[in-house]
Amino acid sequence: MRRITFACMALVLAGGLLPRLEAGAQDNGLRQPVFLLCPHRERLSAWSLFLLVDKNDPSKVLSLGLEKLKKQNSKDSSYAAVLAAQKDPKSERELIAMLDSKTFGTGVLEVQKDEALKVSVTPADQGGLRLMISLRINLDERFVFGGAEQQKRDIVLRYDPAKRTWGAVAATLLDVKGNNALESGRARPVSGIVFPVGVGGTGITRIAAVLDGNDAIVLYDKD
């Protein structure tokens, strides 16, 4: 049973079993990618979180979106290459779902198959948006950013008025040993996470967050 469940999970990460939303919902604003969930396994596709913002006033958020970056994973190329593809409007992608800003704080983006992924945002200080990401890592465990784990892993989306773009920062980040990965407790930009996916039903075996400067911080290690 465990093997069947995570064989299905691999398909979910590939994008084949995800619910879809009509692409027309993307046309009312400007897409700005903010967080990458990148599998380290061949043939799988990464997930990208993005904000849809007002074209004339990028500080105004219209919605939060989740999409698949087709055939983009760090095993077939590299994390840096997938990150570049996330930012490249020419990359092949498929919209999965969107969450209107009116439902921030109550709505959830959810991959229902095996409850593989749940994402929500809540208002934070200084006009930011706090992410809650709940990722299934095996049959009976989830790995969470924000929510009940906010004191360990706190990711906030913030607007940079100089660059007129949104990005994610790690406000709190404890590594796999429970040590603070942020120097002097200062927030640092974080582009996303990368995680190997086991073959034959072993689930996600390791999760690392990638900070600015390509610093990879191991947050979870099954071994």
Protein backbone atom coordinates (compact mmCIF):
# COMPACT_ATOMS: atom_id res chain seq x y z
CA MET A 1 0.00 0.00 0.00
CA ARG A 2 2.82 2.40 0.84
CA ARG A 3 4.43 1.81 -2.56
CA ILE A 4 1.18 2.43 -4.41
CA THR A 5 0.53 5.64 -2.51
CA PHE A 6 3.90 7.17 -3.33
CA ALA A 7 3.89 5.96 -6.89
CA CYS A 8 0.76 8.10 -7.13
CA MET A 9 2.59 10.92 -5.38
CA ALA A 10 5.30 10.84 -8.04
CA LEU A 11 2.60 11.25 -10.67
CA VAL A 12 1.17 14.19 -8.74
CA LEU A 13 4.58 15.88 -8.71
CA ALA A 14 4.78 15.25 -12.43
CA GLY A 15 1.51 17.13 -12.71
CA GLY A 16 -0.63 14.49 -14.33
CA LEU A 17 -3.21 14.21 -11.53
CA LEU A 18 -3.56 17.85 -10.52
CA PRO A 19 -6.77 19.89 -10.76
CA ARG A 20 -6.61 22.64 -13.38
CA LEU A 21 -8.01 26.12 -13.78
CA GLU A 22 -8.74 27.94 -17.02
CA ALA A 23 -5.69 29.92 -18.17
CA GLY A 24 -7.80 33.03 -18.78
CA ALA A 25 -7.59 33.81 -15.08
CA GLN A 26 -3.95 34.79 -15.64
CA ASP A 27 -4.69 37.59 -18.09
CA ASN A 28 -5.79 40.29 -15.65
CA GLY A 29 -2.37 41.11 -14.21
CA LEU A 30 1.36 40.59 -14.17
CA ARG A 31 2.78 37.27 -12.93
CA GLN A 32 5.69 37.44 -10.48
CA PRO A 33 7.20 34.09 -9.34
CA VAL A 34 7.90 34.02 -5.61
CA PHE A 35 8.69 30.44 -4.52
CA LEU A 36 9.89 27.24 -6.20
CA LEU A 37 9.22 23.65 -5.12
CA CYS A 38 11.74 21.64 -7.09
CA PRO A 39 11.94 17.81 -7.12
CA HIS A 40 15.38 16.27 -7.55
CA ARG A 41 14.27 13.38 -9.70
CA GLU A 42 14.34 12.89 -13.43
CA ARG A 43 11.20 13.42 -15.52
CA LEU A 44 9.28 15.15 -12.73
CA SER A 45 8.06 18.72 -13.00
CA ALA A 46 8.60 21.50 -10.49
CA TRP A 47 5.83 23.51 -8.85
CA SER A 48 5.98 27.30 -8.92
CA LEU A 49 4.13 29.70 -6.65
CA PHE A 50 3.50 33.11 -8.13
CA LEU A 51 1.63 36.29 -7.35
CA LEU A 52 -0.59 37.95 -9.90
CA VAL A 53 -0.19 41.70 -9.34
CA ASP A 54 -1.71 44.84 -10.78
CA LYS A 55 0.17 45.85 -13.94
CA ASN A 56 0.10 49.53 -13.00
CA ASP A 57 0.74 49.07 -9.28
CA PRO A 58 2.73 45.86 -8.62
CA SER A 59 2.43 46.35 -4.87
CA LYS A 60 -1.25 45.44 -5.21
CA VAL A 61 -1.71 41.66 -5.19
CA LEU A 62 -4.64 40.22 -7.13
CA SER A 63 -4.14 36.52 -6.47
CA LEU A 64 -1.78 33.70 -5.55
CA GLY A 65 -1.21 31.02 -8.17
CA LEU A 66 0.27 27.55 -8.40
CA GLU A 67 1.60 26.18 -11.68
CA LYS A 68 3.63 23.30 -13.04
CA LEU A 69 6.92 23.94 -14.84
CA LYS A 70 6.81 21.11 -17.33
CA LYS A 71 9.79 18.73 -17.35
CA GLN A 72 11.78 21.05 -15.07
CA ASN A 73 13.64 19.34 -12.22
CA SER A 74 17.09 19.63 -10.68
CA LYS A 75 18.06 16.04 -11.54
CA ASP A 76 17.78 16.51 -15.31
CA SER A 77 19.47 19.93 -15.11
CA SER A 78 20.15 21.90 -11.90
CA TYR A 79 18.26 23.94 -9.34
CA ALA A 80 19.69 27.12 -10.87
CA ALA A 81 18.40 26.08 -14.30
CA VAL A 82 14.91 25.39 -12.94
CA LEU A 83 14.94 28.73 -11.12
CA ALA A 84 15.86 30.45 -14.39
CA ALA A 85 13.03 28.59 -16.15
CA GLN A 86 10.61 29.76 -13.46
CA LYS A 87 11.48 33.36 -14.31
CA ASP A 88 11.49 32.86 -18.08
CA PRO A 89 8.05 33.64 -19.58
CA LYS A 90 8.89 31.37 -22.52
CA SER A 91 9.15 28.26 -20.31
CA GLU A 92 6.40 25.69 -20.81
CA ARG A 93 4.03 25.81 -17.86
CA GLU A 94 0.58 24.71 -16.84
CA LEU A 95 -1.68 26.55 -14.44
CA ILE A 96 -2.97 24.39 -11.62
CA ALA A 97 -5.05 26.74 -9.45
CA MET A 98 -5.38 30.32 -8.21
CA LEU A 99 -6.50 31.93 -4.98
CA ASP A 100 -8.14 35.35 -5.15
CA SER A 101 -6.77 37.96 -2.76
CA LYS A 102 -10.26 38.32 -1.26
CA THR A 103 -9.87 34.82 0.16
CA PHE A 104 -6.37 35.28 1.63
CA GLY A 105 -6.52 34.10 5.22
CA THR A 106 -9.33 31.65 4.54
CA GLY A 107 -8.75 30.01 1.15
CA VAL A 108 -6.33 27.18 0.38
CA LEU A 109 -4.62 25.99 -2.80
CA GLU A 110 -4.77 22.22 -2.52
CA VAL A 111 -3.60 19.22 -4.51
CA GLN A 112 -6.34 16.83 -3.41
CA LYS A 113 -4.79 13.56 -4.60
CA ASP A 114 -3.15 12.08 -1.49
CA GLU A 115 -3.41 15.64 -0.05
CA ALA A 116 0.04 16.11 -1.56
CA LEU A 117 0.24 19.89 -1.17
CA LYS A 118 -1.64 22.67 0.63
CA VAL A 119 -0.73 26.35 0.33
CA SER A 120 -2.29 29.42 1.88
CA VAL A 121 -1.30 32.98 2.76
CA THR A 122 -2.22 35.31 5.61
CA PRO A 123 -1.48 39.02 6.02
CA ALA A 124 1.82 39.79 7.78
CA ASP A 125 3.35 42.99 9.11
CA GLN A 126 4.54 45.77 6.77
CA GLY A 127 2.13 44.66 4.06
CA GLY A 128 3.69 41.22 3.66
CA LEU A 129 2.03 37.85 3.12
CA ARG A 130 2.97 34.87 5.27
CA LEU A 131 3.11 31.53 3.46
CA MET A 132 1.78 28.28 4.88
CA ILE A 133 3.04 25.31 2.87
CA SER A 134 2.16 21.77 3.88
CA LEU A 135 3.92 19.12 1.78
CA ARG A 136 3.28 15.40 2.16
CA ILE A 137 6.63 13.64 2.59
CA ASN A 138 5.47 10.08 3.27
CA LEU A 139 2.38 8.08 4.11
CA ASP A 140 1.79 9.61 7.54
CA GLU A 141 3.99 12.73 7.69
CA ARG A 142 3.87 16.26 6.35
CA PHE A 143 6.53 18.97 6.25
CA VAL A 144 5.19 22.42 7.07
CA PHE A 145 6.29 26.02 6.64
CA GLY A 146 4.34 28.52 8.73
CA GLY A 147 1.19 27.54 10.58
CA ALA A 148 1.98 25.41 13.61
CA GLU A 149 5.67 25.35 12.57
CA GLN A 150 6.09 29.13 12.21
CA GLN A 151 8.60 29.28 15.07
CA LYS A 152 10.80 26.86 13.10
CA ARG A 153 10.14 27.86 9.50
CA ASP A 154 8.62 31.22 8.66
CA ILE A 155 8.49 32.38 5.02
CA VAL A 156 7.04 35.80 4.21
CA LEU A 157 6.36 37.36 0.80
CA ARG A 158 7.48 41.00 0.70
CA TYR A 159 7.34 43.77 -1.88
CA ASP A 160 10.51 45.61 -2.91
CA PRO A 161 9.46 49.11 -4.07
CA ALA A 162 12.88 49.75 -5.66
CA LYS A 163 12.62 46.67 -7.88
CA ARG A 164 8.80 46.74 -8.06
CA THR A 165 8.75 43.00 -7.43
CA TRP A 166 7.64 40.56 -4.76
CA GLY A 167 9.90 37.89 -3.32
CA ALA A 168 10.09 35.42 -0.45
CA VAL A 169 12.24 35.94 2.63
CA ALA A 170 13.00 33.51 5.42
CA ALA A 171 12.12 35.28 8.66
CA THR A 172 12.87 32.17 10.72
CA LEU A 173 14.64 29.02 9.54
CA LEU A 174 15.94 26.18 11.68
CA ASP A 175 18.09 23.53 10.03
CA VAL A 176 17.76 19.77 10.48
CA LYS A 177 19.72 19.98 13.76
CA GLY A 178 17.53 22.74 15.13
CA ASN A 179 20.14 25.47 14.64
CA ASN A 180 19.20 28.94 13.40
CA ALA A 181 20.33 29.17 9.77
CA LEU A 182 19.92 32.96 9.68
CA GLU A 183 22.93 34.97 10.80
CA SER A 184 22.03 37.22 13.76
CA GLY A 185 18.41 36.26 13.14
CA ARG A 186 18.21 38.56 10.12
CA ALA A 187 15.73 37.65 7.37
CA ARG A 188 17.23 36.46 4.09
CA PRO A 189 15.75 36.02 0.62
CA VAL A 190 14.79 32.42 -0.15
CA SER A 191 14.04 31.21 -3.67
CA GLY A 192 12.47 27.86 -2.79
CA ILE A 193 13.12 24.28 -1.75
CA VAL A 194 14.65 21.25 -3.48
CA PHE A 195 13.87 17.66 -2.49
CA PRO A 196 14.81 14.17 -3.72
CA VAL A 197 11.81 11.90 -4.32
CA GLY A 198 12.51 8.24 -3.62
CA VAL A 199 11.88 5.53 -6.20
CA GLY A 200 9.48 2.71 -5.42
CA GLY A 201 7.41 4.38 -2.73
CA THR A 202 9.99 5.83 -0.33
CA GLY A 203 8.56 9.35 -0.40
CA ILE A 204 10.56 12.55 0.04
CA THR A 205 13.84 11.81 1.79
CA ARG A 206 15.41 15.26 2.17
CA ILE A 207 14.38 18.90 1.92
CA ALA A 208 16.73 21.84 1.55
CA ALA A 209 15.88 25.53 1.37
CA VAL A 210 17.91 27.62 -1.07
CA LEU A 211 18.79 31.09 0.21
CA ASP A 212 20.39 34.02 -1.59
CA GLY A 213 23.94 33.24 -2.67
CA ASN A 214 22.78 29.66 -3.38
CA ASP A 215 23.25 28.67 0.25
CA ALA A 216 21.39 25.37 0.71
CA ILE A 217 20.10 24.71 4.23
CA VAL A 218 19.04 21.13 4.97
CA LEU A 219 15.71 21.24 6.81
CA TYR A 220 14.77 17.57 6.76
CA ASP A 221 16.82 14.42 6.28
CA LYS A 222 15.30 10.99 6.59
CA ASP A 223 18.73 9.36 6.77
